[in-house]
Amino acid sequence: MADSIEKQNLMRWFTYLHALQSDCSFNTSVKTMTLLAFANATITTVVPSPSEQAQFILNVGNSPGFDISTDDLTNYATFEALLDHFNPLPTYVGLYLQTASAGTYPNGSFADFLNALISSAFPGGSSGASWKTAMGLLTSVIPAVCLSAKLQADVAKTVDDTTKKVSDLVNQIATLG
């Protein structure tokens, strides 16, 4: 599991988020922002002027290598939304969770996994072995500021709700916080 493609993809998403933050380093306020605050910041607030936007677009083209335009800076309100356009965090979270799920889910269809009840994919709820493994995997990859203790507690409640689907869980985790 240590070198799984699912883990690498999720790690890469956060590496790209760090790169986007570095791409704005000409704005001194960005240097003091947490990664979570940066992810949720309004792009046009962080890079408000046409010259700053042009510099950001140039920087993003170099690292992480995305081809973006000034329209993208308003079409995607936050840096997380912009990054999700190129690399959807919910997909990466879901695929990584699938590797720790129970039963036939690890090798089954991703669509079936997302549509499954959490109680089927992670029997035993938040105290079950498969969920404990999954949370351990997530906390080893997602920066603590983006997977806070509060979010982990909220996620545990979702895992214990037998009416919720895996897609609900994935989306909750992918909101960061």
C-alpha atoms as a PDB file:
ATOM      1  CA  MET A   1       0.000   0.000   0.000  1.00  0.00           C
ATOM      2  CA  ALA A   2       2.922   2.338   0.665  1.00  0.00           C
ATOM      3  CA  ASP A   3       3.525   3.000  -3.035  1.00  0.00           C
ATOM      4  CA  SER A   4       0.006   2.526  -4.369  1.00  0.00           C
ATOM      5  CA  ILE A   5      -1.070   4.714  -7.250  1.00  0.00           C
ATOM      6  CA  GLU A   6      -4.054   5.805  -5.155  1.00  0.00           C
ATOM      7  CA  LYS A   7      -1.767   7.087  -2.417  1.00  0.00           C
ATOM      8  CA  GLN A   8       0.544   8.768  -4.912  1.00  0.00           C
ATOM      9  CA  ASN A   9      -2.384  10.554  -6.578  1.00  0.00           C
ATOM     10  CA  LEU A  10      -3.717  11.883  -3.288  1.00  0.00           C
ATOM     11  CA  MET A  11      -0.248  12.998  -2.218  1.00  0.00           C
ATOM     12  CA  ARG A  12       0.256  14.667  -5.599  1.00  0.00           C
ATOM     13  CA  TRP A  13      -2.959  16.685  -5.129  1.00  0.00           C
ATOM     14  CA  PHE A  14      -1.559  18.251  -1.963  1.00  0.00           C
ATOM     15  CA  THR A  15       1.830  18.752  -3.626  1.00  0.00           C
ATOM     16  CA  TYR A  16       0.023  20.676  -6.375  1.00  0.00           C
ATOM     17  CA  LEU A  17      -1.847  22.729  -3.773  1.00  0.00           C
ATOM     18  CA  HIS A  18       1.499  23.633  -2.182  1.00  0.00           C
ATOM     19  CA  ALA A  19       2.803  24.544  -5.656  1.00  0.00           C
ATOM     20  CA  LEU A  20      -0.168  26.845  -6.269  1.00  0.00           C
ATOM     21  CA  GLN A  21       0.538  28.517  -2.942  1.00  0.00           C
ATOM     22  CA  SER A  22       4.188  28.979  -3.909  1.00  0.00           C
ATOM     23  CA  ASP A  23       3.042  30.384  -7.258  1.00  0.00           C
ATOM     24  CA  CYS A  24       1.426  33.234  -5.286  1.00  0.00           C
ATOM     25  CA  SER A  25       4.429  33.889  -3.076  1.00  0.00           C
ATOM     26  CA  PHE A  26       4.853  37.351  -4.603  1.00  0.00           C
ATOM     27  CA  ASN A  27       1.844  38.225  -2.405  1.00  0.00           C
ATOM     28  CA  THR A  28       3.387  38.368   1.065  1.00  0.00           C
ATOM     29  CA  SER A  29       0.102  37.526   2.821  1.00  0.00           C
ATOM     30  CA  VAL A  30       0.138  34.094   1.170  1.00  0.00           C
ATOM     31  CA  LYS A  31       3.355  33.190   2.956  1.00  0.00           C
ATOM     32  CA  THR A  32       1.597  33.263   6.333  1.00  0.00           C
ATOM     33  CA  MET A  33      -1.574  31.424   5.248  1.00  0.00           C
ATOM     34  CA  THR A  34      -2.124  27.846   6.316  1.00  0.00           C
ATOM     35  CA  LEU A  35      -2.610  25.413   3.473  1.00  0.00           C
ATOM     36  CA  LEU A  36      -6.299  25.131   4.388  1.00  0.00           C
ATOM     37  CA  ALA A  37      -6.787  28.902   4.405  1.00  0.00           C
ATOM     38  CA  PHE A  38      -5.036  29.112   1.053  1.00  0.00           C
ATOM     39  CA  ALA A  39      -7.153  26.304  -0.432  1.00  0.00           C
ATOM     40  CA  ASN A  40     -10.333  28.146   0.539  1.00  0.00           C
ATOM     41  CA  ALA A  41      -9.129  31.648  -0.351  1.00  0.00           C
ATOM     42  CA  THR A  42     -10.794  33.503  -3.208  1.00  0.00           C
ATOM     43  CA  ILE A  43      -8.317  33.554  -6.069  1.00  0.00           C
ATOM     44  CA  THR A  44      -9.072  37.112  -7.162  1.00  0.00           C
ATOM     45  CA  THR A  45      -8.574  38.351  -3.604  1.00  0.00           C
ATOM     46  CA  VAL A  46      -5.122  36.780  -3.393  1.00  0.00           C
ATOM     47  CA  VAL A  47      -4.110  37.833  -6.924  1.00  0.00           C
ATOM     48  CA  PRO A  48      -6.320  40.885  -7.560  1.00  0.00           C
ATOM     49  CA  SER A  49      -4.443  42.925 -10.164  1.00  0.00           C
ATOM     50  CA  PRO A  50      -3.989  42.032 -13.832  1.00  0.00           C
ATOM     51  CA  SER A  51      -0.189  41.972 -13.399  1.00  0.00           C
ATOM     52  CA  GLU A  52      -0.408  39.614 -10.384  1.00  0.00           C
ATOM     53  CA  GLN A  53      -2.847  37.397 -12.262  1.00  0.00           C
ATOM     54  CA  ALA A  54      -0.501  37.266 -15.249  1.00  0.00           C
ATOM     55  CA  GLN A  55       2.413  36.357 -12.959  1.00  0.00           C
ATOM     56  CA  PHE A  56       0.350  33.647 -11.251  1.00  0.00           C
ATOM     57  CA  ILE A  57      -0.722  32.175 -14.608  1.00  0.00           C
ATOM     58  CA  LEU A  58       2.908  32.122 -15.759  1.00  0.00           C
ATOM     59  CA  ASN A  59       4.037  30.535 -12.487  1.00  0.00           C
ATOM     60  CA  VAL A  60       1.305  27.869 -12.635  1.00  0.00           C
ATOM     61  CA  GLY A  61       2.376  27.007 -16.174  1.00  0.00           C
ATOM     62  CA  ASN A  62       5.853  26.248 -14.866  1.00  0.00           C
ATOM     63  CA  SER A  63       4.793  24.414 -11.700  1.00  0.00           C
ATOM     64  CA  PRO A  64       2.616  22.412 -11.408  1.00  0.00           C
ATOM     65  CA  GLY A  65       2.355  22.793 -15.193  1.00  0.00           C
ATOM     66  CA  PHE A  66      -1.313  23.648 -15.689  1.00  0.00           C
ATOM     67  CA  ASP A  67      -2.477  25.735 -18.616  1.00  0.00           C
ATOM     68  CA  ILE A  68      -4.855  28.254 -17.075  1.00  0.00           C
ATOM     69  CA  SER A  69      -6.338  31.529 -18.258  1.00  0.00           C
ATOM     70  CA  THR A  70      -7.620  34.655 -16.567  1.00  0.00           C
ATOM     71  CA  ASP A  71     -11.142  33.240 -16.999  1.00  0.00           C
ATOM     72  CA  ASP A  72     -10.162  30.314 -14.779  1.00  0.00           C
ATOM     73  CA  LEU A  73      -9.341  32.745 -11.975  1.00  0.00           C
ATOM     74  CA  THR A  74     -12.998  33.790 -11.810  1.00  0.00           C
ATOM     75  CA  ASN A  75     -14.645  30.573 -13.031  1.00  0.00           C
ATOM     76  CA  TYR A  76     -13.133  28.717 -10.068  1.00  0.00           C
ATOM     77  CA  ALA A  77     -13.570  30.896  -7.003  1.00  0.00           C
ATOM     78  CA  THR A  78     -11.025  29.196  -4.746  1.00  0.00           C
ATOM     79  CA  PHE A  79      -7.648  27.554  -5.226  1.00  0.00           C
ATOM     80  CA  GLU A  80      -9.172  24.214  -4.217  1.00  0.00           C
ATOM     81  CA  ALA A  81     -11.845  24.577  -6.906  1.00  0.00           C
ATOM     82  CA  LEU A  82      -9.199  25.476  -9.497  1.00  0.00           C
ATOM     83  CA  LEU A  83      -7.086  22.468  -8.581  1.00  0.00           C
ATOM     84  CA  ASP A  84     -10.157  20.206  -8.514  1.00  0.00           C
ATOM     85  CA  HIS A  85     -10.800  21.206 -12.128  1.00  0.00           C
ATOM     86  CA  PHE A  86      -7.532  19.547 -13.128  1.00  0.00           C
ATOM     87  CA  ASN A  87      -7.332  16.896 -10.393  1.00  0.00           C
ATOM     88  CA  PRO A  88     -10.603  16.203  -8.569  1.00  0.00           C
ATOM     89  CA  LEU A  89      -9.849  15.679  -4.885  1.00  0.00           C
ATOM     90  CA  PRO A  90     -13.072  13.688  -4.248  1.00  0.00           C
ATOM     91  CA  THR A  91     -11.962  11.103  -6.809  1.00  0.00           C
ATOM     92  CA  TYR A  92      -8.545  10.724  -5.206  1.00  0.00           C
ATOM     93  CA  VAL A  93     -10.007  10.500  -1.693  1.00  0.00           C
ATOM     94  CA  GLY A  94     -12.544   7.924  -2.869  1.00  0.00           C
ATOM     95  CA  LEU A  95     -10.024   5.765  -4.680  1.00  0.00           C
ATOM     96  CA  TYR A  96      -7.697   5.796  -1.684  1.00  0.00           C
ATOM     97  CA  LEU A  97     -10.526   4.913   0.692  1.00  0.00           C
ATOM     98  CA  GLN A  98     -11.531   2.062  -1.591  1.00  0.00           C
ATOM     99  CA  THR A  99      -8.161   0.397  -0.999  1.00  0.00           C
ATOM    100  CA  ALA A 100      -8.996   0.027   2.711  1.00  0.00           C
ATOM    101  CA  SER A 101     -12.630  -0.972   2.372  1.00  0.00           C
ATOM    102  CA  ALA A 102     -14.008  -4.379   3.287  1.00  0.00           C
ATOM    103  CA  GLY A 103     -15.447  -7.240   1.281  1.00  0.00           C
ATOM    104  CA  THR A 104     -15.285  -7.084  -2.493  1.00  0.00           C
ATOM    105  CA  TYR A 105     -15.066  -3.291  -2.636  1.00  0.00           C
ATOM    106  CA  PRO A 106     -11.265  -2.948  -2.889  1.00  0.00           C
ATOM    107  CA  ASN A 107     -11.274  -4.798  -6.214  1.00  0.00           C
ATOM    108  CA  GLY A 108     -14.725  -3.800  -7.396  1.00  0.00           C
ATOM    109  CA  SER A 109     -16.099  -0.960  -9.442  1.00  0.00           C
ATOM    110  CA  PHE A 110     -15.398   2.547  -8.171  1.00  0.00           C
ATOM    111  CA  ALA A 111     -18.961   3.584  -9.031  1.00  0.00           C
ATOM    112  CA  ASP A 112     -20.352   0.677  -6.982  1.00  0.00           C
ATOM    113  CA  PHE A 113     -18.066   1.630  -4.095  1.00  0.00           C
ATOM    114  CA  LEU A 114     -19.267   5.249  -4.109  1.00  0.00           C
ATOM    115  CA  ASN A 115     -22.889   4.082  -4.237  1.00  0.00           C
ATOM    116  CA  ALA A 116     -22.454   1.569  -1.402  1.00  0.00           C
ATOM    117  CA  LEU A 117     -23.636   2.197   2.113  1.00  0.00           C
ATOM    118  CA  ILE A 118     -20.731   3.122   4.366  1.00  0.00           C
ATOM    119  CA  SER A 119     -21.812   0.328   6.705  1.00  0.00           C
ATOM    120  CA  SER A 120     -21.185  -2.206   3.913  1.00  0.00           C
ATOM    121  CA  ALA A 121     -17.835  -0.816   2.838  1.00  0.00           C
ATOM    122  CA  PHE A 122     -16.617  -0.169   6.398  1.00  0.00           C
ATOM    123  CA  PRO A 123     -18.428  -2.613   8.705  1.00  0.00           C
ATOM    124  CA  GLY A 124     -18.229  -1.833  12.389  1.00  0.00           C
ATOM    125  CA  GLY A 125     -18.532   1.900  11.812  1.00  0.00           C
ATOM    126  CA  SER A 126     -15.890   4.273  13.078  1.00  0.00           C
ATOM    127  CA  SER A 127     -14.583   1.657  15.521  1.00  0.00           C
ATOM    128  CA  GLY A 128     -14.291  -1.061  12.858  1.00  0.00           C
ATOM    129  CA  ALA A 129     -10.927  -2.307  11.681  1.00  0.00           C
ATOM    130  CA  SER A 130     -11.395  -1.295   8.047  1.00  0.00           C
ATOM    131  CA  TRP A 131     -12.366   2.274   8.972  1.00  0.00           C
ATOM    132  CA  LYS A 132      -9.481   2.596  11.443  1.00  0.00           C
ATOM    133  CA  THR A 133      -7.131   1.493   8.662  1.00  0.00           C
ATOM    134  CA  ALA A 134      -8.732   3.933   6.227  1.00  0.00           C
ATOM    135  CA  MET A 135      -8.449   6.862   8.639  1.00  0.00           C
ATOM    136  CA  GLY A 136      -4.825   5.960   9.313  1.00  0.00           C
ATOM    137  CA  LEU A 137      -4.137   5.996   5.594  1.00  0.00           C
ATOM    138  CA  LEU A 138      -5.838   9.355   5.145  1.00  0.00           C
ATOM    139  CA  THR A 139      -4.042  10.995   8.063  1.00  0.00           C
ATOM    140  CA  SER A 140      -0.719   9.765   6.695  1.00  0.00           C
ATOM    141  CA  VAL A 141      -1.292  11.634   3.431  1.00  0.00           C
ATOM    142  CA  ILE A 142      -3.611  14.591   4.051  1.00  0.00           C
ATOM    143  CA  PRO A 143      -1.953  17.448   5.965  1.00  0.00           C
ATOM    144  CA  ALA A 144      -3.333  17.770   9.506  1.00  0.00           C
ATOM    145  CA  VAL A 145      -4.562  21.308   8.893  1.00  0.00           C
ATOM    146  CA  CYS A 146      -6.750  19.935   6.075  1.00  0.00           C
ATOM    147  CA  LEU A 147      -7.990  16.889   8.015  1.00  0.00           C
ATOM    148  CA  SER A 148      -8.463  18.460  11.428  1.00  0.00           C
ATOM    149  CA  ALA A 149      -9.555  16.646  14.569  1.00  0.00           C
ATOM    150  CA  LYS A 150     -12.961  18.315  14.196  1.00  0.00           C
ATOM    151  CA  LEU A 151     -13.354  17.074  10.632  1.00  0.00           C
ATOM    152  CA  GLN A 152     -12.221  13.610  11.722  1.00  0.00           C
ATOM    153  CA  ALA A 153     -14.867  13.617  14.479  1.00  0.00           C
ATOM    154  CA  ASP A 154     -17.546  14.749  12.015  1.00  0.00           C
ATOM    155  CA  VAL A 155     -16.441  12.081   9.560  1.00  0.00           C
ATOM    156  CA  ALA A 156     -16.639   9.427  12.305  1.00  0.00           C
ATOM    157  CA  LYS A 157     -20.288  10.402  12.879  1.00  0.00           C
ATOM    158  CA  THR A 158     -20.945   9.979   9.171  1.00  0.00           C
ATOM    159  CA  VAL A 159     -19.239   6.573   9.179  1.00  0.00           C
ATOM    160  CA  ASP A 160     -21.548   5.550  12.046  1.00  0.00           C
ATOM    161  CA  ASP A 161     -24.691   6.693  10.182  1.00  0.00           C
ATOM    162  CA  THR A 162     -26.054   3.534   8.545  1.00  0.00           C
ATOM    163  CA  THR A 163     -28.106   5.549   6.044  1.00  0.00           C
ATOM    164  CA  LYS A 164     -25.122   7.306   4.443  1.00  0.00           C
ATOM    165  CA  LYS A 165     -23.364   6.270   1.254  1.00  0.00           C
ATOM    166  CA  VAL A 166     -19.641   6.225   0.649  1.00  0.00           C
ATOM    167  CA  SER A 167     -20.074   9.169  -1.740  1.00  0.00           C
ATOM    168  CA  ASP A 168     -21.354  11.249   1.203  1.00  0.00           C
ATOM    169  CA  LEU A 169     -18.243  10.351   3.167  1.00  0.00           C
ATOM    170  CA  VAL A 170     -15.877  11.099   0.288  1.00  0.00           C
ATOM    171  CA  ASN A 171     -17.429  14.505  -0.332  1.00  0.00           C
ATOM    172  CA  GLN A 172     -17.270  15.356   3.363  1.00  0.00           C
ATOM    173  CA  ILE A 173     -13.560  14.553   3.555  1.00  0.00           C
ATOM    174  CA  ALA A 174     -12.826  16.372   0.289  1.00  0.00           C
ATOM    175  CA  THR A 175     -14.283  19.624   1.609  1.00  0.00           C
ATOM    176  CA  LEU A 176     -11.168  19.846   3.828  1.00  0.00           C
ATOM    177  CA  GLY A 177     -11.167  21.466   7.202  1.00  0.00           C
END
